[in-house]
C-alpha atoms as a PDB file:
ATOM      1  CA  UNK A   1     -29.448   7.936  13.411  1.00  0.00           C
ATOM      2  CA  UNK A   2     -26.275   8.430  15.432  1.00  0.00           C
ATOM      3  CA  UNK A   3     -24.156   7.263  12.480  1.00  0.00           C
ATOM      4  CA  UNK A   4     -25.903   9.729  10.158  1.00  0.00           C
ATOM      5  CA  UNK A   5     -25.188  12.571  12.566  1.00  0.00           C
ATOM      6  CA  UNK A   6     -21.550  11.558  12.931  1.00  0.00           C
ATOM      7  CA  UNK A   7     -20.963  11.364   9.160  1.00  0.00           C
ATOM      8  CA  UNK A   8     -22.673  14.721   8.630  1.00  0.00           C
ATOM      9  CA  UNK A   9     -20.892  16.385  11.562  1.00  0.00           C
ATOM     10  CA  UNK A  10     -17.469  15.436  10.222  1.00  0.00           C
ATOM     11  CA  UNK A  11     -18.300  16.839   6.776  1.00  0.00           C
ATOM     12  CA  UNK A  12     -19.651  20.073   8.239  1.00  0.00           C
ATOM     13  CA  UNK A  13     -16.692  20.623  10.580  1.00  0.00           C
ATOM     14  CA  UNK A  14     -14.194  20.099   7.760  1.00  0.00           C
ATOM     15  CA  UNK A  15     -15.963  22.549   5.463  1.00  0.00           C
ATOM     16  CA  UNK A  16     -16.624  25.044   8.236  1.00  0.00           C
ATOM     17  CA  UNK A  17     -12.958  25.317   9.188  1.00  0.00           C
ATOM     18  CA  UNK A  18     -12.055  25.497   5.494  1.00  0.00           C
ATOM     19  CA  UNK A  19     -14.602  28.283   4.859  1.00  0.00           C
ATOM     20  CA  UNK A  20     -13.185  30.576   7.503  1.00  0.00           C
ATOM     21  CA  UNK A  21      -9.676  30.492   6.106  1.00  0.00           C
ATOM     22  CA  UNK A  22     -10.562  30.568   2.410  1.00  0.00           C
ATOM     23  CA  UNK A  23     -12.869  33.553   2.547  1.00  0.00           C
ATOM     24  CA  UNK A  24     -10.041  35.637   3.999  1.00  0.00           C
ATOM     25  CA  UNK A  25      -7.077  34.267   2.049  1.00  0.00           C
ATOM     26  CA  UNK A  26      -8.232  33.673  -1.539  1.00  0.00           C
ATOM     27  CA  UNK A  27      -6.221  35.877  -3.897  1.00  0.00           C
ATOM     28  CA  UNK A  28      -8.049  36.953  -7.027  1.00  0.00           C
ATOM     29  CA  UNK A  29      -5.869  36.045 -10.001  1.00  0.00           C
ATOM     30  CA  UNK A  30      -7.817  35.147 -13.136  1.00  0.00           C
ATOM     31  CA  UNK A  31      -5.075  32.996 -14.688  1.00  0.00           C
ATOM     32  CA  UNK A  32      -4.673  30.650 -11.706  1.00  0.00           C
ATOM     33  CA  UNK A  33      -6.927  27.594 -11.629  1.00  0.00           C
ATOM     34  CA  UNK A  34      -8.264  27.086  -8.105  1.00  0.00           C
ATOM     35  CA  UNK A  35     -10.436  24.069  -7.538  1.00  0.00           C
ATOM     36  CA  UNK A  36     -11.948  22.069  -4.696  1.00  0.00           C
ATOM     37  CA  UNK A  37     -12.813  18.490  -5.646  1.00  0.00           C
ATOM     38  CA  UNK A  38     -14.948  16.395  -3.337  1.00  0.00           C
ATOM     39  CA  UNK A  39     -15.181  12.627  -3.684  1.00  0.00           C
ATOM     40  CA  UNK A  40     -18.662  11.243  -3.203  1.00  0.00           C
ATOM     41  CA  UNK A  41     -20.469   8.049  -4.106  1.00  0.00           C
ATOM     42  CA  UNK A  42     -23.376   6.738  -6.147  1.00  0.00           C
ATOM     43  CA  UNK A  43     -24.683   5.658  -2.753  1.00  0.00           C
ATOM     44  CA  UNK A  44     -25.878   9.263  -2.457  1.00  0.00           C
ATOM     45  CA  UNK A  45     -28.479   8.652  -5.165  1.00  0.00           C
ATOM     46  CA  UNK A  46     -29.044   4.915  -4.656  1.00  0.00           C
ATOM     47  CA  UNK A  47     -28.993   4.289  -0.899  1.00  0.00           C
ATOM     48  CA  UNK A  48     -29.189   0.686   0.247  1.00  0.00           C
ATOM     49  CA  UNK A  49     -29.370  -0.915   3.682  1.00  0.00           C
ATOM     50  CA  UNK A  50     -27.223  -1.128   5.747  1.00  0.00           C
ATOM     51  CA  UNK A  51     -25.335   1.818   4.215  1.00  0.00           C
ATOM     52  CA  UNK A  52     -27.977   4.524   4.658  1.00  0.00           C
ATOM     53  CA  UNK A  53     -25.881   6.676   7.057  1.00  0.00           C
ATOM     54  CA  UNK A  54     -23.030   6.656   4.523  1.00  0.00           C
ATOM     55  CA  UNK A  55     -25.487   7.524   1.724  1.00  0.00           C
ATOM     56  CA  UNK A  56     -26.931  10.438   3.705  1.00  0.00           C
ATOM     57  CA  UNK A  57     -23.443  11.829   4.324  1.00  0.00           C
ATOM     58  CA  UNK A  58     -22.534  11.552   0.640  1.00  0.00           C
ATOM     59  CA  UNK A  59     -25.810  13.193  -0.424  1.00  0.00           C
ATOM     60  CA  UNK A  60     -25.023  16.000   2.012  1.00  0.00           C
ATOM     61  CA  UNK A  61     -21.590  16.380   0.437  1.00  0.00           C
ATOM     62  CA  UNK A  62     -23.233  16.692  -2.997  1.00  0.00           C
ATOM     63  CA  UNK A  63     -25.432  19.515  -1.691  1.00  0.00           C
ATOM     64  CA  UNK A  64     -22.494  21.150   0.059  1.00  0.00           C
ATOM     65  CA  UNK A  65     -20.492  20.997  -3.180  1.00  0.00           C
ATOM     66  CA  UNK A  66     -23.184  22.904  -5.051  1.00  0.00           C
ATOM     67  CA  UNK A  67     -23.681  25.423  -2.249  1.00  0.00           C
ATOM     68  CA  UNK A  68     -19.970  26.119  -1.998  1.00  0.00           C
ATOM     69  CA  UNK A  69     -19.713  26.525  -5.757  1.00  0.00           C
ATOM     70  CA  UNK A  70     -22.048  29.508  -5.320  1.00  0.00           C
ATOM     71  CA  UNK A  71     -20.123  30.803  -2.295  1.00  0.00           C
ATOM     72  CA  UNK A  72     -16.608  30.500  -3.677  1.00  0.00           C
ATOM     73  CA  UNK A  73     -17.344  31.138  -7.370  1.00  0.00           C
ATOM     74  CA  UNK A  74     -17.115  34.941  -7.054  1.00  0.00           C
ATOM     75  CA  UNK A  75     -13.626  34.439  -5.570  1.00  0.00           C
ATOM     76  CA  UNK A  76     -12.500  32.407  -8.573  1.00  0.00           C
ATOM     77  CA  UNK A  77     -12.664  29.033  -6.834  1.00  0.00           C
ATOM     78  CA  UNK A  78     -14.490  26.197  -8.572  1.00  0.00           C
ATOM     79  CA  UNK A  79     -16.099  23.486  -6.423  1.00  0.00           C
ATOM     80  CA  UNK A  80     -17.051  20.144  -7.970  1.00  0.00           C
ATOM     81  CA  UNK A  81     -17.461  16.523  -6.919  1.00  0.00           C
ATOM     82  CA  UNK A  82     -16.706  13.161  -8.437  1.00  0.00           C
ATOM     83  CA  UNK A  83     -19.505  10.711  -7.659  1.00  0.00           C
ATOM     84  CA  UNK A  84     -17.909   7.279  -7.924  1.00  0.00           C
ATOM     85  CA  UNK A  85     -19.599   3.997  -8.615  1.00  0.00           C
ATOM     86  CA  UNK A  86     -17.870   0.643  -8.157  1.00  0.00           C
ATOM     87  CA  UNK A  87     -14.103   0.657  -8.708  1.00  0.00           C
ATOM     88  CA  UNK A  88     -11.357  -1.949  -8.400  1.00  0.00           C
ATOM     89  CA  UNK A  89      -9.948  -0.816  -5.065  1.00  0.00           C
ATOM     90  CA  UNK A  90      -8.588  -2.645  -2.019  1.00  0.00           C
ATOM     91  CA  UNK A  91     -12.117  -2.602  -0.596  1.00  0.00           C
ATOM     92  CA  UNK A  92     -13.489  -4.171  -3.799  1.00  0.00           C
ATOM     93  CA  UNK A  93     -10.946  -6.981  -3.538  1.00  0.00           C
ATOM     94  CA  UNK A  94     -13.087  -8.356  -0.694  1.00  0.00           C
ATOM     95  CA  UNK A  95     -16.210  -8.565  -2.877  1.00  0.00           C
ATOM     96  CA  UNK A  96     -17.222 -12.018  -4.019  1.00  0.00           C
ATOM     97  CA  UNK A  97     -17.221 -12.845  -7.726  1.00  0.00           C
ATOM     98  CA  UNK A  98     -21.027 -12.941  -7.935  1.00  0.00           C
ATOM     99  CA  UNK A  99     -21.290  -9.381  -6.589  1.00  0.00           C
ATOM    100  CA  UNK A 100     -18.710  -8.116  -9.091  1.00  0.00           C
ATOM    101  CA  UNK A 101     -20.467  -9.917 -11.963  1.00  0.00           C
ATOM    102  CA  UNK A 102     -23.797  -8.358 -10.954  1.00  0.00           C
ATOM    103  CA  UNK A 103     -22.258  -4.874 -10.827  1.00  0.00           C
ATOM    104  CA  UNK A 104     -20.725  -5.393 -14.257  1.00  0.00           C
ATOM    105  CA  UNK A 105     -24.034  -6.611 -15.719  1.00  0.00           C
ATOM    106  CA  UNK A 106     -25.972  -3.606 -14.416  1.00  0.00           C
ATOM    107  CA  UNK A 107     -23.514  -0.938 -15.646  1.00  0.00           C
ATOM    108  CA  UNK A 108     -24.029   0.343 -19.176  1.00  0.00           C
ATOM    109  CA  UNK A 109     -20.314  -0.160 -19.923  1.00  0.00           C
ATOM    110  CA  UNK A 110     -20.475  -3.709 -18.498  1.00  0.00           C
ATOM    111  CA  UNK A 111     -17.480  -3.283 -16.184  1.00  0.00           C
ATOM    112  CA  UNK A 112     -16.375  -1.687 -12.945  1.00  0.00           C
ATOM    113  CA  UNK A 113     -13.907   1.164 -13.030  1.00  0.00           C
ATOM    114  CA  UNK A 114     -10.158   1.327 -12.553  1.00  0.00           C
ATOM    115  CA  UNK A 115      -8.836   3.800  -9.943  1.00  0.00           C
ATOM    116  CA  UNK A 116      -6.801   5.607 -12.613  1.00  0.00           C
ATOM    117  CA  UNK A 117     -10.103   6.758 -14.104  1.00  0.00           C
ATOM    118  CA  UNK A 118     -10.877   8.675 -10.906  1.00  0.00           C
ATOM    119  CA  UNK A 119      -7.464  10.330 -11.164  1.00  0.00           C
ATOM    120  CA  UNK A 120      -8.131  11.357 -14.768  1.00  0.00           C
ATOM    121  CA  UNK A 121     -11.464  12.920 -13.797  1.00  0.00           C
ATOM    122  CA  UNK A 122      -9.839  14.757 -10.879  1.00  0.00           C
ATOM    123  CA  UNK A 123      -7.078  16.045 -13.157  1.00  0.00           C
ATOM    124  CA  UNK A 124      -9.686  17.420 -15.551  1.00  0.00           C
ATOM    125  CA  UNK A 125     -11.553  19.164 -12.723  1.00  0.00           C
ATOM    126  CA  UNK A 126      -8.325  20.528 -11.216  1.00  0.00           C
ATOM    127  CA  UNK A 127      -6.997  22.167 -14.373  1.00  0.00           C
ATOM    128  CA  UNK A 128      -8.028  25.104 -16.515  1.00  0.00           C
ATOM    129  CA  UNK A 129      -9.514  22.602 -19.014  1.00  0.00           C
ATOM    130  CA  UNK A 130     -12.604  22.814 -16.797  1.00  0.00           C
ATOM    131  CA  UNK A 131     -12.415  26.572 -16.198  1.00  0.00           C
ATOM    132  CA  UNK A 132     -16.173  27.001 -16.730  1.00  0.00           C
ATOM    133  CA  UNK A 133     -17.225  23.983 -14.645  1.00  0.00           C
ATOM    134  CA  UNK A 134     -18.426  24.500 -11.086  1.00  0.00           C
ATOM    135  CA  UNK A 135     -21.147  22.994  -8.922  1.00  0.00           C
ATOM    136  CA  UNK A 136     -21.010  19.798 -10.972  1.00  0.00           C
ATOM    137  CA  UNK A 137     -21.441  16.321  -9.558  1.00  0.00           C
ATOM    138  CA  UNK A 138     -19.555  14.243 -12.138  1.00  0.00           C
ATOM    139  CA  UNK A 139     -20.992  10.729 -12.291  1.00  0.00           C
ATOM    140  CA  UNK A 140     -18.153   8.289 -12.736  1.00  0.00           C
ATOM    141  CA  UNK A 141     -19.952   4.972 -12.660  1.00  0.00           C
ATOM    142  CA  UNK A 142     -19.930   3.418 -16.125  1.00  0.00           C
ATOM    143  CA  UNK A 143     -23.624   4.157 -16.500  1.00  0.00           C
ATOM    144  CA  UNK A 144     -24.710   2.285 -13.389  1.00  0.00           C
ATOM    145  CA  UNK A 145     -27.084   5.018 -12.106  1.00  0.00           C
ATOM    146  CA  UNK A 146     -29.143   5.868 -15.211  1.00  0.00           C
END
């Protein structure tokens, strides 16, 4: 329980300090794309031991993303999240081959993602191409959480 509280406290403190400044300093200009992009995890919707504290924190970030989309939307700020599944990162390099093969078998696209794909999703959410997108939790997992 202590780990859950610590994960959640860090998320809340970061957003709380951000809220105070943003509500006072956001300039309303319709042509400027303003976007907050949170990075979350499929662990938020598929928690597994021993990672439950991490999953709770990520689920909280999903909820916070949607709540802040409502709060900041009237000020022209879009708030979205990218919910990542397994990707080929430095952390994934430590996974054994059987674990990677299992993840690939269970994803609809039969592979794990490349980090550049997260960047492409973030670029979309950061630009005016997504001007009417807010409060969205974009699943980026190759179909692993259907």
